[in-house]
Amino acid sequence: MKHLILKKGEDRRIRLGHLWIFSNEVDTKKSPLKEFEPGESAVVVNAQGRPIGSAYVNPNSLICARMISNRPHEGLTEALLDRRISQALTLRESMFDKPFYRMVFAEGDFLPGLVIDRYDDLLVAQLTTAGMEKMKDQITSVLCDILHPKAILFRNDSANRPLEGLDRYVEQAVGTVPAKICLEENGVKFEVPMIEGQKTGWFYDQRTNRRDFASFCNGKRVLDAFCYAGSFGCNAVKAGAKEVTFLDASKIALDAAVHNASLNGSPDKVDTVYGDALDTLQELKDSGAQFDVICVDPPAFIKRKKAFKEGLSAYQRVNKLAMDLVVDGGIVTSCSCSQHLSAQDLNRVLLHAASKSKTRIQTLIQGHQGPDHPVHPAMPETHYLKSYTVRVFKS
């Protein structure tokens, strides 16, 4: 393998375990990036000439290399994929009694660029880097050997793929993938779109947060804002909520939420509100609506650092409206999947929202992504999901 030589001092972060190497950290005089093929494995060498591991390289990307092993001559091979995927599967099988989970979480499972969700005997994979795209056939082979799935779907339509110089596409690699599948989570049943759904079909990362949310919902009036397929609200239905209102800007999502609610309880308990969440939350407030328990789980309002200020304002507005809509002593669960918004930032958002709504709050639960989305301790980028469940007092 060729050598990828780092500039002086640029190996410190890598030696602590971080898996990304940026193009400005490479000594391009000694190891020109243009000499590497996209996805090619390389030995990573520090400025003193000492090998510190191996990576796969993409000369066309800002993140020009991703570490794959601390063994310098172990590249991205089928054998390595087999070992790492098997390790990831062993963890999930030890945690969950049903085969529905994120089976591989990219850097969190030391396989940057590879995400795999399991839906029993159906696997949905997403490749986001040139290195993993190059190994697609080997990944398929390993998955077939380990799990013998009936179907494998590659949802390689991520918006990040063009940054790696990759086309976006969806491909059924093995078997025939149904348009929808059924899954069970926390004892709650869902029907999930596979081909037309978002990302890899389901957001397993909120599993534990949904379970915790449901514990407050028995006999309560519940609002599930930004509901998508109704994951939080359906947990509330199953937990015995008196009423559940789903709110979303997608009629397709609302139809899915109502259908999923019917799988878990009486559809008579369910109502829907269609429209942009920020606008419709304001309309609900103006109409005098009140709820006992509210979840606000918006899409990432801060997708890039430069959007931080604008996104922060959106988070503050939606949480202020939630606190306006909840009853005295009620519960608000607030979530953020914005990588650039820290848990501390979200806590401050809630404090500011409480101040503006003239309420007091108690933090009851601080939530995170589920354990099938393990956090790489050297990479805060892998700790993207955070939530707080607070009790709101108006007197």
Protein backbone atom coordinates (compact mmCIF):
# COMPACT_ATOMS: atom_id res chain seq x y z
CA MET A 1 0.00 0.00 0.00
CA LYS A 2 1.08 3.59 -0.65
CA HIS A 3 1.95 5.88 2.24
CA LEU A 4 -0.24 8.83 3.23
CA ILE A 5 2.10 11.16 5.12
CA LEU A 6 0.76 13.66 7.63
CA LYS A 7 2.15 17.08 8.46
CA LYS A 8 3.94 17.67 11.74
CA GLY A 9 1.59 17.41 14.72
CA GLU A 10 -1.40 16.29 12.68
CA ASP A 11 -1.22 12.75 14.03
CA ARG A 12 -2.23 13.68 17.60
CA ARG A 13 -5.98 13.53 17.00
CA ILE A 14 -5.61 10.30 15.01
CA ARG A 15 -3.55 8.63 17.73
CA LEU A 16 -6.36 9.41 20.18
CA GLY A 17 -8.73 7.47 17.94
CA HIS A 18 -10.38 10.00 15.63
CA LEU A 19 -11.04 8.41 12.24
CA TRP A 20 -11.06 11.41 9.90
CA ILE A 21 -8.07 12.93 8.13
CA PHE A 22 -8.62 16.27 6.39
CA SER A 23 -6.84 17.23 3.19
CA ASN A 24 -5.01 20.16 4.84
CA GLU A 25 -3.45 17.73 7.34
CA VAL A 26 -1.61 15.77 4.63
CA ASP A 27 1.93 16.53 3.51
CA THR A 28 1.03 16.66 -0.17
CA LYS A 29 4.63 17.29 -1.22
CA LYS A 30 5.66 13.89 0.10
CA SER A 31 2.40 12.07 -0.65
CA PRO A 32 0.39 13.90 -3.35
CA LEU A 33 -3.30 13.16 -2.95
CA LYS A 34 -3.79 13.12 -6.71
CA GLU A 35 -1.75 9.90 -6.84
CA PHE A 36 -4.46 8.00 -4.92
CA GLU A 37 -7.54 6.44 -6.46
CA PRO A 38 -10.88 7.09 -4.69
CA GLY A 39 -11.32 4.34 -2.10
CA GLU A 40 -7.70 3.16 -2.23
CA SER A 41 -6.21 1.81 1.02
CA ALA A 42 -3.04 3.42 2.36
CA VAL A 43 -0.62 3.25 5.28
CA VAL A 44 -0.93 6.43 7.37
CA VAL A 45 2.48 7.75 8.44
CA ASN A 46 3.26 10.65 10.78
CA ALA A 47 5.80 13.40 10.03
CA GLN A 48 8.54 11.41 11.77
CA GLY A 49 8.00 8.48 9.41
CA ARG A 50 6.27 6.20 11.93
CA PRO A 51 3.24 4.24 10.64
CA ILE A 52 0.18 4.86 12.83
CA GLY A 53 -2.47 2.83 11.03
CA SER A 54 -4.28 2.35 7.76
CA ALA A 55 -7.03 4.30 6.03
CA TYR A 56 -8.88 4.47 2.77
CA VAL A 57 -8.38 7.63 0.73
CA ASN A 58 -10.52 9.89 -1.42
CA PRO A 59 -8.41 12.67 -2.96
CA ASN A 60 -11.57 14.50 -4.08
CA SER A 61 -13.09 14.95 -0.63
CA LEU A 62 -12.43 17.44 2.18
CA ILE A 63 -12.23 14.42 4.49
CA CYS A 64 -9.56 12.89 2.32
CA ALA A 65 -9.01 9.72 4.36
CA ARG A 66 -10.84 7.65 6.96
CA MET A 67 -8.96 5.44 9.36
CA ILE A 68 -9.86 1.78 9.19
CA SER A 69 -7.30 0.10 11.47
CA ASN A 70 -4.44 0.86 13.85
CA ARG A 71 -2.57 -1.93 12.10
CA PRO A 72 -0.62 -0.15 9.35
CA HIS A 73 -0.86 -2.89 6.73
CA GLU A 74 -4.48 -3.92 7.33
CA GLY A 75 -6.52 -2.26 4.62
CA LEU A 76 -10.25 -2.29 3.97
CA THR A 77 -10.73 -5.92 3.00
CA GLU A 78 -13.55 -8.44 3.04
CA ALA A 79 -11.95 -10.13 6.05
CA LEU A 80 -11.96 -6.87 8.01
CA LEU A 81 -15.56 -6.18 7.01
CA ASP A 82 -16.55 -9.68 8.15
CA ARG A 83 -14.90 -9.20 11.54
CA ARG A 84 -16.28 -5.72 12.24
CA ILE A 85 -19.82 -6.47 11.02
CA SER A 86 -19.87 -9.66 13.11
CA GLN A 87 -18.74 -7.70 16.18
CA ALA A 88 -21.48 -5.15 15.59
CA LEU A 89 -24.11 -7.87 15.18
CA THR A 90 -23.03 -9.63 18.38
CA LEU A 91 -23.62 -6.43 20.35
CA ARG A 92 -27.13 -5.93 18.95
CA GLU A 93 -28.13 -9.55 19.48
CA SER A 94 -27.10 -9.24 23.12
CA MET A 95 -29.27 -6.13 23.61
CA PHE A 96 -32.48 -6.77 21.68
CA ASP A 97 -34.84 -9.74 21.75
CA LYS A 98 -36.21 -8.99 18.27
CA PRO A 99 -34.15 -8.48 15.08
CA PHE A 100 -35.04 -4.85 14.50
CA TYR A 101 -32.18 -2.40 15.05
CA ARG A 102 -29.35 -0.41 13.51
CA MET A 103 -26.85 -3.19 12.92
CA VAL A 104 -23.88 -1.06 11.85
CA PHE A 105 -23.42 2.60 12.78
CA ALA A 106 -20.51 3.80 10.63
CA GLU A 107 -17.73 5.35 12.76
CA GLY A 108 -19.46 4.17 15.94
CA ASP A 109 -18.73 0.60 14.82
CA PHE A 110 -15.32 1.49 13.31
CA LEU A 111 -16.69 1.18 9.77
CA PRO A 112 -16.79 4.78 8.48
CA GLY A 113 -19.12 5.22 5.54
CA LEU A 114 -21.29 2.14 6.25
CA VAL A 115 -24.74 2.11 7.84
CA ILE A 116 -26.93 -1.00 7.99
CA ASP A 117 -30.43 -1.27 9.44
CA ARG A 118 -31.96 -4.67 10.11
CA TYR A 119 -35.63 -5.47 9.70
CA ASP A 120 -35.61 -9.17 10.56
CA ASP A 121 -34.59 -10.90 7.30
CA LEU A 122 -34.41 -7.63 5.33
CA LEU A 123 -31.30 -5.42 5.43
CA VAL A 124 -31.11 -1.81 4.30
CA ALA A 125 -27.58 -0.48 3.79
CA GLN A 126 -26.25 2.96 3.01
CA LEU A 127 -22.77 3.65 1.64
CA THR A 128 -21.66 7.27 1.96
CA THR A 129 -17.97 7.15 1.01
CA ALA A 130 -15.93 6.12 -2.01
CA GLY A 131 -14.09 3.54 0.09
CA MET A 132 -17.27 1.72 1.07
CA GLU A 133 -18.79 2.10 -2.39
CA LYS A 134 -15.73 0.30 -3.78
CA MET A 135 -16.43 -2.59 -1.39
CA LYS A 136 -20.15 -2.93 -2.12
CA ASP A 137 -19.89 -6.45 -3.53
CA GLN A 138 -17.80 -7.60 -0.57
CA ILE A 139 -20.26 -6.04 1.88
CA THR A 140 -23.10 -7.88 0.15
CA SER A 141 -21.15 -11.15 0.34
CA VAL A 142 -20.39 -10.74 4.03
CA LEU A 143 -24.01 -9.95 4.89
CA CYS A 144 -25.21 -12.98 2.96
CA ASP A 145 -22.71 -15.23 4.73
CA ILE A 146 -23.52 -13.93 8.21
CA LEU A 147 -27.30 -13.53 8.09
CA HIS A 148 -28.61 -15.16 4.88
CA PRO A 149 -31.13 -12.33 4.39
CA LYS A 150 -34.08 -12.62 2.03
CA ALA A 151 -33.36 -9.16 0.67
CA ILE A 152 -30.71 -6.41 0.77
CA LEU A 153 -31.53 -2.88 -0.30
CA PHE A 154 -28.85 -0.24 -0.89
CA ARG A 155 -30.34 3.20 -0.18
CA ASN A 156 -27.38 5.06 -1.63
CA ASP A 157 -29.29 8.29 -2.11
CA SER A 158 -27.73 10.29 0.73
CA ALA A 159 -27.17 13.99 0.08
CA ASN A 160 -23.55 13.52 1.25
CA ARG A 161 -22.59 11.19 -1.60
CA PRO A 162 -21.89 13.96 -4.14
CA LEU A 163 -19.30 15.34 -1.69
CA GLU A 164 -17.43 12.07 -2.27
CA GLY A 165 -17.89 12.26 -6.03
CA LEU A 166 -20.53 9.51 -5.93
CA ASP A 167 -23.83 9.18 -7.76
CA ARG A 168 -27.06 8.80 -5.83
CA TYR A 169 -29.16 5.70 -6.43
CA VAL A 170 -31.34 3.01 -4.83
CA GLU A 171 -30.59 -0.62 -5.68
CA GLN A 172 -32.09 -3.96 -4.70
CA ALA A 173 -28.95 -6.07 -4.43
CA VAL A 174 -30.45 -9.30 -3.13
CA GLY A 175 -34.04 -10.55 -3.35
CA THR A 176 -37.08 -8.32 -3.68
CA VAL A 177 -37.65 -5.59 -1.14
CA PRO A 178 -41.33 -4.95 -0.32
CA ALA A 179 -42.72 -1.43 -0.48
CA LYS A 180 -43.54 -1.64 3.25
CA ILE A 181 -42.51 -3.86 6.13
CA CYS A 182 -43.75 -4.37 9.67
CA LEU A 183 -41.53 -3.97 12.71
CA GLU A 184 -41.94 -4.05 16.46
CA GLU A 185 -40.22 -1.69 18.88
CA ASN A 186 -40.89 -1.38 22.63
CA GLY A 187 -43.83 -3.72 22.04
CA VAL A 188 -45.31 -1.19 19.57
CA LYS A 189 -46.06 -2.22 15.98
CA PHE A 190 -45.27 -0.07 12.96
CA GLU A 191 -45.60 -0.37 9.19
CA VAL A 192 -42.65 1.36 7.54
CA PRO A 193 -42.07 2.39 3.89
CA MET A 194 -38.86 0.91 2.51
CA ILE A 195 -38.44 2.24 -1.02
CA GLU A 196 -40.12 5.62 -0.58
CA GLY A 197 -39.31 6.19 3.09
CA GLN A 198 -36.76 8.55 4.60
CA LYS A 199 -33.09 7.49 4.79
CA THR A 200 -32.95 3.77 5.69
CA GLY A 201 -36.67 3.59 6.48
CA TRP A 202 -36.93 3.96 10.26
CA PHE A 203 -35.29 6.05 12.96
CA TYR A 204 -34.18 3.40 15.42
CA ASP A 205 -32.07 5.98 17.29
CA GLN A 206 -35.09 7.27 19.26
CA ARG A 207 -36.12 3.87 20.65
CA THR A 208 -35.24 4.51 24.31
CA ASN A 209 -36.52 8.10 24.18
CA ARG A 210 -39.88 6.89 22.86
CA ARG A 211 -40.10 4.34 25.65
CA ASP A 212 -39.40 7.02 28.26
CA PHE A 213 -41.89 9.40 26.65
CA ALA A 214 -44.63 6.77 26.76
CA SER A 215 -44.25 6.40 30.54
CA PHE A 216 -45.89 9.84 30.97
CA CYS A 217 -48.82 9.27 28.60
CA ASN A 218 -51.35 6.97 30.28
CA GLY A 219 -54.72 8.76 30.34
CA LYS A 220 -53.21 11.96 28.89
CA ARG A 221 -53.85 14.23 25.91
CA VAL A 222 -50.70 13.91 23.78
CA LEU A 223 -49.26 15.95 20.91
CA ASP A 224 -46.67 14.37 18.60
CA ALA A 225 -45.20 17.25 16.55
CA PHE A 226 -43.01 16.54 13.49
CA CYS A 227 -44.50 13.06 13.81
CA TYR A 228 -43.27 11.38 10.56
CA ALA A 229 -44.79 7.87 10.86
CA GLY A 230 -46.06 8.54 14.38
CA SER A 231 -43.34 6.88 16.42
CA PHE A 232 -43.73 8.87 19.66
CA GLY A 233 -47.51 9.14 19.39
CA CYS A 234 -47.96 5.41 18.73
CA ASN A 235 -45.92 4.63 21.84
CA ALA A 236 -48.35 6.93 23.66
CA VAL A 237 -51.37 5.09 22.18
CA LYS A 238 -49.93 1.77 23.32
CA ALA A 239 -49.32 3.23 26.80
CA GLY A 240 -53.00 4.16 27.16
CA ALA A 241 -53.12 7.83 26.15
CA LYS A 242 -56.58 9.40 26.25
CA GLU A 243 -56.05 11.30 22.98
CA VAL A 244 -53.14 11.60 20.53
CA THR A 245 -52.74 14.39 17.98
CA PHE A 246 -50.24 13.91 15.15
CA LEU A 247 -48.79 17.02 13.51
CA ASP A 248 -46.72 17.00 10.33
CA ALA A 249 -46.18 18.89 7.06
CA SER A 250 -46.60 15.66 5.07
CA LYS A 251 -50.02 14.16 4.44
CA ILE A 252 -48.35 10.86 3.60
CA ALA A 253 -46.64 10.90 7.03
CA LEU A 254 -49.94 11.68 8.77
CA ASP A 255 -51.70 8.82 6.96
CA ALA A 256 -48.88 6.49 8.05
CA ALA A 257 -49.12 7.74 11.64
CA VAL A 258 -52.87 7.13 11.79
CA HIS A 259 -52.45 3.66 10.28
CA ASN A 260 -49.70 2.80 12.77
CA ALA A 261 -51.84 4.07 15.64
CA SER A 262 -54.62 1.72 14.53
CA LEU A 263 -52.18 -1.20 14.87
CA ASN A 264 -51.69 -0.35 18.55
CA GLY A 265 -55.06 0.85 19.86
CA SER A 266 -58.33 2.51 19.04
CA PRO A 267 -58.18 4.89 16.04
CA ASP A 268 -60.93 6.92 17.76
CA LYS A 269 -58.26 8.35 20.06
CA VAL A 270 -56.31 9.88 17.15
CA ASP A 271 -56.48 13.28 15.47
CA THR A 272 -54.22 14.92 12.88
CA VAL A 273 -53.04 18.45 12.12
CA TYR A 274 -51.55 19.11 8.69
CA GLY A 275 -49.09 21.94 8.04
CA ASP A 276 -45.73 23.43 8.84
CA ALA A 277 -45.13 22.66 12.50
CA LEU A 278 -44.03 26.14 13.53
CA ASP A 279 -47.11 27.72 11.93
CA THR A 280 -49.56 25.08 13.12
CA LEU A 281 -48.21 25.11 16.68
CA GLN A 282 -48.89 28.85 16.72
CA GLU A 283 -52.40 28.25 15.34
CA LEU A 284 -53.05 25.63 18.04
CA LYS A 285 -51.92 28.11 20.69
CA ASP A 286 -54.14 30.85 19.25
CA SER A 287 -57.12 28.49 19.29
CA GLY A 288 -56.59 27.77 23.00
CA ALA A 289 -55.57 24.13 22.58
CA GLN A 290 -53.88 22.43 25.53
CA PHE A 291 -52.06 19.11 25.91
CA ASP A 292 -50.78 17.16 28.89
CA VAL A 293 -47.73 15.69 27.14
CA ILE A 294 -45.93 17.03 24.05
CA CYS A 295 -43.05 15.77 21.94
CA VAL A 296 -41.24 18.06 19.51
CA ASP A 297 -38.82 16.09 17.33
CA PRO A 298 -37.94 18.40 14.42
CA PRO A 299 -35.59 17.66 11.54
CA ALA A 300 -32.09 19.10 11.90
CA PHE A 301 -32.56 22.87 11.98
CA ILE A 302 -28.75 23.29 11.94
CA LYS A 303 -27.24 21.29 9.09
CA ARG A 304 -24.10 23.42 8.81
CA LYS A 305 -22.17 25.56 11.28
CA LYS A 306 -22.99 28.74 9.39
CA ALA A 307 -26.70 28.05 9.96
CA PHE A 308 -26.27 27.87 13.75
CA LYS A 309 -27.82 31.23 14.67
CA GLU A 310 -30.87 30.81 12.44
CA GLY A 311 -31.35 27.21 13.53
CA LEU A 312 -31.01 28.09 17.20
CA SER A 313 -33.79 30.62 16.80
CA ALA A 314 -36.04 27.94 15.27
CA TYR A 315 -35.35 25.56 18.16
CA GLN A 316 -36.17 28.30 20.67
CA ARG A 317 -39.41 29.17 18.89
CA VAL A 318 -40.70 25.59 18.63
CA ASN A 319 -39.88 24.84 22.26
CA LYS A 320 -41.46 28.09 23.45
CA LEU A 321 -44.65 27.15 21.60
CA ALA A 322 -44.58 23.66 23.14
CA MET A 323 -44.36 25.20 26.62
CA ASP A 324 -47.24 27.54 25.77
CA LEU A 325 -49.38 24.58 24.69
CA VAL A 326 -48.70 22.24 27.61
CA VAL A 327 -50.83 22.36 30.76
CA ASP A 328 -49.50 23.49 34.14
CA GLY A 329 -47.41 20.57 35.39
CA GLY A 330 -47.34 18.98 31.95
CA ILE A 331 -44.49 17.23 30.16
CA VAL A 332 -42.48 18.34 27.13
CA THR A 333 -39.94 16.10 25.41
CA SER A 334 -37.63 18.12 23.16
CA CYS A 335 -35.29 16.44 20.68
CA SER A 336 -32.52 17.57 18.36
CA CYS A 337 -30.65 15.54 15.76
CA SER A 338 -28.48 18.53 14.77
CA GLN A 339 -24.85 17.50 15.12
CA HIS A 340 -23.88 21.16 15.58
CA LEU A 341 -26.27 21.67 18.53
CA SER A 342 -24.76 20.18 21.70
CA ALA A 343 -26.75 18.83 24.63
CA GLN A 344 -25.67 21.92 26.56
CA ASP A 345 -26.98 24.12 23.73
CA LEU A 346 -30.33 22.32 23.79
CA ASN A 347 -30.52 22.79 27.55
CA ARG A 348 -29.99 26.53 27.04
CA VAL A 349 -32.69 26.53 24.34
CA LEU A 350 -35.14 25.10 26.87
CA LEU A 351 -34.13 27.64 29.52
CA HIS A 352 -34.66 30.54 27.10
CA ALA A 353 -37.96 29.05 25.91
CA ALA A 354 -39.16 28.70 29.50
CA SER A 355 -38.19 32.29 30.24
CA LYS A 356 -40.05 33.61 27.18
CA SER A 357 -43.16 31.56 27.99
CA LYS A 358 -42.97 32.68 31.65
CA THR A 359 -42.76 29.13 32.95
CA ARG A 360 -40.46 27.11 35.19
CA ILE A 361 -39.06 23.74 34.16
CA GLN A 362 -37.65 20.65 35.84
CA THR A 363 -35.42 18.30 33.86
CA LEU A 364 -36.64 14.74 34.37
CA ILE A 365 -34.73 12.79 31.72
CA GLN A 366 -31.74 13.57 29.53
CA GLY A 367 -31.90 11.31 26.49
CA HIS A 368 -29.46 10.20 23.83
CA GLN A 369 -29.40 7.99 20.76
CA GLY A 370 -30.02 4.33 21.52
CA PRO A 371 -27.23 1.81 22.19
CA ASP A 372 -27.46 0.45 18.64
CA HIS A 373 -25.95 3.83 17.68
CA PRO A 374 -22.76 3.60 19.74
CA VAL A 375 -20.76 6.78 20.25
CA HIS A 376 -17.08 6.83 19.28
CA PRO A 377 -15.50 8.55 22.31
CA ALA A 378 -12.90 10.34 20.18
CA MET A 379 -15.54 11.61 17.75
CA PRO A 380 -18.19 13.95 19.13
CA GLU A 381 -19.63 13.93 15.61
CA THR A 382 -21.07 10.46 16.39
CA HIS A 383 -23.04 11.82 19.38
CA TYR A 384 -25.63 13.66 17.31
CA LEU A 385 -28.97 12.93 19.01
CA LYS A 386 -29.95 14.52 22.28
CA SER A 387 -33.21 15.09 24.11
CA TYR A 388 -34.60 16.48 27.34
CA THR A 389 -37.87 15.64 29.02
CA VAL A 390 -38.97 18.48 31.26
CA ARG A 391 -41.92 19.24 33.52
CA VAL A 392 -43.41 22.68 32.93
CA PHE A 393 -44.92 24.86 35.68
CA LYS A 394 -46.99 27.95 34.94
CA SER A 395 -47.65 29.10 38.49
